[in-house]
Structure formats: structure tokens, C-alpha cells
Amino acid sequence: MIRIPVTPQELVRLIDQEVPDWRERAAKQTQQVRKQKRFSGEGLWSEVKGVYMALQHHKCAYCERPMAESPYANIEYDVEHFRPKSRVIPWPDAKTAKELRIRYKVRSGNPKGYPLLAHEPHNYVVTCKVCNSPLKADHFPIDGELSAEGSDIAKLNAEEKPLLIVPLGMADPSPDELITFEGVLPVPAKRGGYDRKRAQVTIDFFRLHLRTDLRDGRAHLLVMLWEKLERAKNGTPEQRRLAEQVLAAARGNRFPHSRCARAFLDLYERDPAKAKDYYLAAHELVVRKEPGLYGRGASRS
């Protein structure tokens, strides 16, 4: 997960540019919700999906899995409400808690959802269908107390203390500061406190450490990066130049699984021997598909 660095003003500008009358129609929908005290009517969020697809460099906001960029790409993306619009279902259930060996405590957001945020642009990201439908669904774990605030996201965050990391915008700490990687495995970057708990909940919630498609994608990435690192050090001048271009791109947000890439490149600079260990394990995953090489996943809070 990485930050989607857009300011509130820039997000509004992009939406107005994409669909000039969207905010006016969204405001009318919100006014209707305010009167009825529940979400009703048709959702308009799919109309602005393209704005978020472009902002996120055609990657899932939560798992960073690269998604399509073509005339048919729209079907692969879901507009996801960070705070659910109609209801909130507690997470984790007993089966999930046992499977993931969860020991921390969580509360749940408003059981009736957050209908006044149904058409709030800052409550959206686009995600892959796995992150959205079976995983995020109508869950919203929090660490604080339920808030009576209906539409002010800053006040809601201050009172409810969401446990899922918010990737959109600049108000929340950057996901890069909260989650790092040990090889292909995501782990909390902090040693304790609320920030560590948020990282661990986010990892568990989206099963970022367990999904084989994510693990395999990161393994292929590490193998490729190692080869470029070696080429940049030992290759011909032309090979070094081309390798360094790829390594520079890998530190940017457009690269697939860029948070994993940055963690690996930083490790290579600090501890090349440890980076080689992670490369060799990733190589085995690519060649032999042996998930046991990485154990069950991140350490528990």
C-alpha cells in the first residue's frame, strides 16, 4: 500500500474536469440522505472511477496489485467506500480470528453506516475485486469510540481512530511509514502503539501476507530487481545505464508493488547479504512455488 498524494483541491478539480456536473448532482443526493437519514437513490460514484484509476496509477489502493489500463479496464475496478455507506458489519468473525490468529481487540464503526459520505469524493478509492467484495465488504474496524459526527471526515477519524490505513490524500500518515516489507512479506514498520496496530490490522484484513497472487507478484519483482542491481554493478556501461533506469523507476509510485520494491532496494543499500537471502527465497518461490519458504506471515501485535 502506498500514499495516493492528492490534495482536496486537486481531487475536486480532477472530478470537475472528468464530469463537470457530478458534484452538483452528488450534493443533491447527499441532501436527500440527510432528510431520510439513510442512503437511498442511485450511486453516482462509478462516473468518477476514471479519476481514481489514474491517480492510483492503475493499481489497487489496498494491495497494490497492478490492474488493466485499456478501453476495457473499467470492468476490473470497483469504487470502494472507505467508510461503508449503508451498514457496518463487525470484523473479524470467529472463523477469521482463529484462522489469522488474531489477538488484538477491535471495535466496529457505525452499524448504520455513513450515508452522508456515500457521495463524498474523499471517501473513495478504487480497488481490485478481491480487496473490495470478499474482504472490505461492509467492514470498518476502529480503535476509538463511535462518533456522532455524520460527514466531517477529520472529526470522524479523530474520534473513531480507524484501524485501516487510509491511502488517499495527505491527512493520514503515509502507508510507507506504517507498513514495510521483509522480502515478499508485509510487516508493521513501527514497534508498537496505534500505528503498529493499524499496520497489522490492515495486513490481516486484506490478507496481504497470505494471498498467493500478491506473494508471487512480489517474488517476481524481487528476482527482477536483484538482476538489475547486479547488472548496475557489474554490467557493461550500456547495461548499467539501462539497469539504473529500471531501478530508478522502481522507487516511483507507478511501479507494480512499489512499496515492496522500495523496501528491497533500501535493504540492498544497508545490508546486501540480507537482501541476497530475500532474493534467493523469492527465486525459489518463482521457480518452485514453495510458499512454506516464508512461513505464515507477519508477526502478531
Protein backbone atom coordinates (compact mmCIF):
# COMPACT_ATOMS: atom_id res chain seq x y z
CA MET A 1 0.00 0.00 0.00
CA ILE A 2 1.27 3.46 -0.89
CA ARG A 3 0.04 7.01 -0.47
CA ILE A 4 -2.12 8.48 -3.23
CA PRO A 5 -0.79 12.05 -2.92
CA VAL A 6 -3.67 14.25 -3.94
CA THR A 7 -4.87 17.39 -2.16
CA PRO A 8 -8.60 18.04 -1.60
CA GLN A 9 -8.46 20.91 -4.08
CA GLU A 10 -6.76 18.80 -6.74
CA LEU A 11 -9.24 15.94 -6.30
CA VAL A 12 -12.17 18.32 -6.78
CA ARG A 13 -10.53 19.83 -9.85
CA LEU A 14 -10.00 16.42 -11.42
CA ILE A 15 -13.59 15.37 -10.77
CA ASP A 16 -14.95 18.63 -12.22
CA GLN A 17 -12.76 18.08 -15.26
CA GLU A 18 -13.96 14.49 -15.71
CA VAL A 19 -17.70 15.06 -15.03
CA PRO A 20 -18.50 18.78 -14.76
CA ASP A 21 -21.91 18.42 -13.08
CA TRP A 22 -21.03 15.46 -10.82
CA ARG A 23 -20.57 17.40 -7.58
CA GLU A 24 -23.85 19.25 -8.04
CA ARG A 25 -25.77 16.00 -8.52
CA ALA A 26 -23.85 14.35 -5.65
CA ALA A 27 -24.80 17.23 -3.34
CA LYS A 28 -28.49 16.70 -4.17
CA GLN A 29 -28.15 13.01 -3.35
CA THR A 30 -26.50 13.87 -0.05
CA GLN A 31 -29.28 16.33 0.78
CA GLN A 32 -31.81 13.58 0.21
CA VAL A 33 -29.86 11.28 2.52
CA ARG A 34 -29.76 13.99 5.18
CA LYS A 35 -33.55 14.24 5.07
CA GLN A 36 -34.19 10.49 5.08
CA LYS A 37 -31.32 9.69 7.49
CA ARG A 38 -30.26 6.72 5.37
CA PHE A 39 -28.72 6.09 1.99
CA SER A 40 -31.16 5.80 -0.87
CA GLY A 41 -31.24 6.51 -4.57
CA GLU A 42 -28.71 5.68 -7.23
CA GLY A 43 -25.00 5.84 -6.68
CA LEU A 44 -23.02 8.24 -8.86
CA TRP A 45 -19.54 7.11 -7.88
CA SER A 46 -18.93 4.90 -10.91
CA GLU A 47 -18.98 8.04 -13.08
CA VAL A 48 -15.74 9.29 -11.49
CA LYS A 49 -13.98 5.93 -11.34
CA GLY A 50 -11.52 7.00 -14.01
CA VAL A 51 -10.19 9.82 -11.81
CA TYR A 52 -9.11 7.38 -9.13
CA MET A 53 -7.78 4.83 -11.64
CA ALA A 54 -5.41 7.48 -12.99
CA LEU A 55 -4.44 8.82 -9.54
CA GLN A 56 -3.60 5.30 -8.39
CA HIS A 57 -1.52 4.52 -11.49
CA HIS A 58 -3.90 1.67 -12.30
CA LYS A 59 -3.13 -0.24 -9.12
CA CYS A 60 -5.41 -1.42 -6.31
CA ALA A 61 -5.38 1.10 -3.47
CA TYR A 62 -5.04 -1.60 -0.82
CA CYS A 63 -2.94 -4.46 -2.22
CA GLU A 64 -1.08 -2.54 -4.97
CA ARG A 65 -1.84 -5.26 -7.49
CA PRO A 66 -1.48 -3.81 -10.99
CA MET A 67 -4.71 -3.74 -12.96
CA ALA A 68 -5.62 -3.14 -16.56
CA GLU A 69 -5.13 0.11 -18.44
CA SER A 70 -7.14 -0.20 -21.65
CA PRO A 71 -10.56 0.70 -23.09
CA TYR A 72 -11.95 -2.31 -21.20
CA ALA A 73 -10.12 -1.67 -17.92
CA ASN A 74 -13.12 -0.14 -16.18
CA ILE A 75 -14.71 -3.54 -15.57
CA GLU A 76 -11.76 -4.68 -13.45
CA TYR A 77 -12.06 -1.87 -10.89
CA ASP A 78 -14.51 -1.25 -8.06
CA VAL A 79 -15.12 2.13 -6.45
CA GLU A 80 -14.75 1.32 -2.77
CA HIS A 81 -16.25 3.38 0.06
CA PHE A 82 -13.66 3.59 2.83
CA ARG A 83 -16.48 4.13 5.32
CA PRO A 84 -19.41 1.93 4.22
CA LYS A 85 -22.47 3.89 3.17
CA SER A 86 -25.32 1.69 4.48
CA ARG A 87 -24.10 -0.57 7.29
CA VAL A 88 -21.05 -1.82 9.14
CA ILE A 89 -20.57 -5.49 9.95
CA PRO A 90 -18.17 -6.43 12.78
CA TRP A 91 -14.74 -7.78 11.90
CA PRO A 92 -13.22 -10.28 12.49
CA ASP A 93 -15.72 -13.08 12.91
CA ALA A 94 -14.70 -16.10 14.99
CA LYS A 95 -13.51 -18.10 11.97
CA THR A 96 -11.34 -15.29 10.66
CA ALA A 97 -9.89 -14.54 14.10
CA LYS A 98 -8.90 -18.19 14.52
CA GLU A 99 -7.52 -18.55 11.00
CA LEU A 100 -5.39 -15.40 11.27
CA ARG A 101 -4.52 -15.98 14.94
CA ILE A 102 -5.74 -12.52 15.87
CA ARG A 103 -5.13 -11.50 19.48
CA TYR A 104 -5.76 -7.76 19.32
CA LYS A 105 -9.13 -6.17 20.09
CA VAL A 106 -11.12 -4.10 17.59
CA ARG A 107 -14.37 -2.21 17.64
CA SER A 108 -16.67 -1.60 14.68
CA GLY A 109 -17.85 1.62 13.08
CA ASN A 110 -21.44 2.82 12.99
CA PRO A 111 -23.76 -0.19 12.45
CA LYS A 112 -25.96 2.02 10.25
CA GLY A 113 -23.02 3.01 8.09
CA TYR A 114 -22.05 6.51 6.99
CA PRO A 115 -24.74 7.52 4.47
CA LEU A 116 -23.66 11.16 4.37
CA LEU A 117 -20.32 10.01 2.95
CA ALA A 118 -21.88 7.98 0.13
CA HIS A 119 -21.08 10.76 -2.34
CA GLU A 120 -18.02 12.21 -0.62
CA PRO A 121 -15.04 12.03 -3.04
CA HIS A 122 -12.57 11.74 -0.16
CA ASN A 123 -14.32 8.53 0.94
CA TYR A 124 -13.46 6.72 -2.31
CA VAL A 125 -10.60 4.69 -3.69
CA VAL A 126 -10.59 2.12 -6.49
CA THR A 127 -9.69 -1.45 -5.66
CA CYS A 128 -9.42 -4.90 -7.14
CA LYS A 129 -12.50 -7.05 -6.69
CA VAL A 130 -10.80 -9.30 -4.13
CA CYS A 131 -9.95 -6.43 -1.80
CA ASN A 132 -13.43 -4.94 -2.20
CA SER A 133 -16.06 -7.67 -2.25
CA PRO A 134 -14.98 -10.60 -0.06
CA LEU A 135 -12.57 -8.66 2.17
CA LYS A 136 -13.51 -5.00 2.68
CA ALA A 137 -17.24 -5.51 2.05
CA ASP A 138 -19.18 -3.66 4.79
CA HIS A 139 -16.50 -3.84 7.49
CA PHE A 140 -14.90 -0.85 9.17
CA PRO A 141 -12.78 -1.67 12.24
CA ILE A 142 -11.95 1.18 14.61
CA ASP A 143 -9.88 1.64 17.75
CA GLY A 144 -11.78 4.58 19.26
CA GLU A 145 -15.39 5.35 20.11
CA LEU A 146 -18.33 5.72 17.75
CA SER A 147 -18.74 9.29 16.62
CA ALA A 148 -21.99 11.20 16.30
CA GLU A 149 -20.41 13.27 13.54
CA GLY A 150 -22.04 12.46 10.23
CA SER A 151 -19.94 14.00 7.48
CA ASP A 152 -16.74 15.63 8.79
CA ILE A 153 -14.07 13.03 7.99
CA ALA A 154 -11.39 14.72 10.10
CA LYS A 155 -13.61 14.66 13.20
CA LEU A 156 -14.71 11.11 12.49
CA ASN A 157 -11.09 9.99 12.22
CA ALA A 158 -10.09 11.79 15.41
CA GLU A 159 -12.89 10.21 17.45
CA GLU A 160 -13.19 6.76 15.89
CA LYS A 161 -9.49 6.15 15.11
CA PRO A 162 -9.86 3.92 12.04
CA LEU A 163 -7.71 0.81 12.06
CA LEU A 164 -7.47 0.52 8.30
CA ILE A 165 -4.85 2.76 6.73
CA VAL A 166 -6.25 5.49 4.50
CA PRO A 167 -4.18 5.63 1.30
CA LEU A 168 -5.94 8.61 -0.34
CA GLY A 169 -4.77 12.14 0.40
CA MET A 170 -2.30 13.75 2.75
CA ALA A 171 -4.18 13.83 6.08
CA ASP A 172 -3.29 10.32 7.25
CA PRO A 173 0.29 9.10 7.83
CA SER A 174 1.76 7.69 4.65
CA PRO A 175 1.27 3.91 4.36
CA ASP A 176 5.02 3.77 3.59
CA GLU A 177 5.64 4.87 7.18
CA LEU A 178 3.40 2.18 8.66
CA ILE A 179 3.99 -0.92 6.52
CA THR A 180 7.30 -2.18 5.19
CA PHE A 181 8.44 -5.49 3.69
CA GLU A 182 10.76 -8.30 4.68
CA GLY A 183 11.31 -9.87 1.29
CA VAL A 184 7.84 -10.54 -0.08
CA LEU A 185 6.13 -10.28 3.30
CA PRO A 186 4.45 -7.07 4.53
CA VAL A 187 5.16 -6.27 8.19
CA PRO A 188 4.45 -3.31 10.50
CA ALA A 189 7.14 -0.66 10.34
CA LYS A 190 6.54 0.55 13.92
CA ARG A 191 7.38 -1.37 17.07
CA GLY A 192 4.24 -0.56 19.00
CA GLY A 193 1.28 1.71 19.59
CA TYR A 194 -1.67 2.69 17.41
CA ASP A 195 0.41 2.93 14.23
CA ARG A 196 1.68 -0.64 14.59
CA LYS A 197 -1.83 -1.89 15.30
CA ARG A 198 -3.17 -0.13 12.20
CA ALA A 199 -0.49 -1.75 10.08
CA GLN A 200 -1.15 -5.22 11.47
CA VAL A 201 -4.93 -4.89 11.12
CA THR A 202 -4.54 -3.68 7.52
CA ILE A 203 -2.23 -6.58 6.68
CA ASP A 204 -4.58 -9.11 8.27
CA PHE A 205 -7.77 -7.52 6.96
CA PHE A 206 -6.69 -7.60 3.31
CA ARG A 207 -4.61 -10.78 3.82
CA LEU A 208 -1.68 -9.01 2.27
CA HIS A 209 0.70 -11.62 3.67
CA LEU A 210 -1.30 -14.68 2.59
CA ARG A 211 -2.65 -14.12 -0.92
CA THR A 212 -0.61 -16.14 -3.37
CA ASP A 213 -1.15 -13.75 -6.27
CA LEU A 214 0.40 -10.92 -4.26
CA ARG A 215 3.22 -13.06 -2.92
CA ASP A 216 4.09 -14.37 -6.37
CA GLY A 217 3.96 -10.91 -7.92
CA ARG A 218 6.37 -9.58 -5.30
CA ALA A 219 8.66 -12.59 -5.74
CA HIS A 220 8.93 -11.95 -9.48
CA LEU A 221 9.62 -8.30 -8.66
CA LEU A 222 12.49 -9.12 -6.27
CA VAL A 223 14.09 -11.51 -8.76
CA MET A 224 13.98 -8.85 -11.45
CA LEU A 225 15.32 -6.14 -9.12
CA TRP A 226 18.22 -8.30 -7.98
CA GLU A 227 19.23 -8.95 -11.53
CA LYS A 228 19.11 -5.21 -12.27
CA LEU A 229 21.13 -4.43 -9.13
CA GLU A 230 23.80 -6.89 -10.20
CA ARG A 231 23.75 -5.57 -13.75
CA ALA A 232 24.07 -1.98 -12.47
CA LYS A 233 27.16 -3.03 -10.52
CA ASN A 234 28.87 -5.41 -12.90
CA GLY A 235 27.47 -4.88 -16.39
CA THR A 236 28.77 -3.03 -19.40
CA PRO A 237 28.23 0.75 -19.47
CA GLU A 238 25.09 0.31 -21.56
CA GLN A 239 23.79 -2.48 -19.31
CA ARG A 240 24.44 -0.35 -16.23
CA ARG A 241 22.63 2.61 -17.76
CA LEU A 242 19.54 0.56 -18.61
CA ALA A 243 19.53 -1.19 -15.23
CA GLU A 244 19.76 2.09 -13.37
CA GLN A 245 16.76 3.40 -15.29
CA VAL A 246 14.68 0.45 -14.12
CA LEU A 247 15.90 0.80 -10.53
CA ALA A 248 15.00 4.49 -10.50
CA ALA A 249 11.54 3.69 -11.86
CA ALA A 250 11.10 1.00 -9.17
CA ARG A 251 11.24 3.69 -6.50
CA GLY A 252 8.34 5.55 -8.09
CA ASN A 253 4.65 5.05 -7.37
CA ARG A 254 3.86 3.80 -10.87
CA PHE A 255 5.84 0.59 -10.44
CA PRO A 256 3.94 -2.63 -9.55
CA HIS A 257 4.22 -3.38 -5.81
CA SER A 258 6.34 -0.25 -5.42
CA ARG A 259 6.34 -0.32 -1.60
CA CYS A 260 7.90 -3.78 -1.67
CA ALA A 261 10.38 -2.60 -4.29
CA ARG A 262 11.48 0.40 -2.23
CA ALA A 263 11.94 -1.71 0.90
CA PHE A 264 14.09 -4.20 -1.00
CA LEU A 265 16.23 -1.50 -2.63
CA ASP A 266 16.75 0.24 0.72
CA LEU A 267 17.76 -3.08 2.29
CA TYR A 268 20.25 -3.73 -0.50
CA GLU A 269 21.97 -0.45 0.33
CA ARG A 270 22.07 -1.23 4.09
CA ASP A 271 22.65 -4.98 4.07
CA PRO A 272 23.39 -6.60 0.70
CA ALA A 273 23.80 -10.04 2.29
CA LYS A 274 20.31 -9.95 3.79
CA ALA A 275 18.89 -8.67 0.51
CA LYS A 276 20.52 -11.63 -1.23
CA ASP A 277 18.81 -14.00 1.20
CA TYR A 278 15.44 -12.48 0.30
CA TYR A 279 16.30 -12.65 -3.39
CA LEU A 280 17.18 -16.35 -3.14
CA ALA A 281 13.96 -17.12 -1.29
CA ALA A 282 11.98 -15.16 -3.90
CA HIS A 283 13.83 -17.07 -6.62
CA GLU A 284 12.70 -20.35 -5.07
CA LEU A 285 9.12 -19.12 -4.98
CA VAL A 286 9.30 -18.24 -8.65
CA VAL A 287 10.97 -21.48 -9.68
CA ARG A 288 9.44 -24.00 -7.29
CA LYS A 289 6.31 -22.30 -5.93
CA GLU A 290 7.11 -23.24 -2.33
CA PRO A 291 5.10 -20.88 -0.07
CA GLY A 292 6.48 -22.53 3.07
CA LEU A 293 9.76 -20.76 2.49
CA TYR A 294 8.22 -17.65 4.00
CA GLY A 295 6.28 -19.17 6.89
CA ARG A 296 2.79 -17.98 7.78
CA GLY A 297 3.38 -14.28 7.64
CA ALA A 298 3.91 -11.19 9.71
CA SER A 299 4.43 -11.21 13.46
CA ARG A 300 1.48 -10.54 15.69
CA SER A 301 0.81 -7.44 17.73
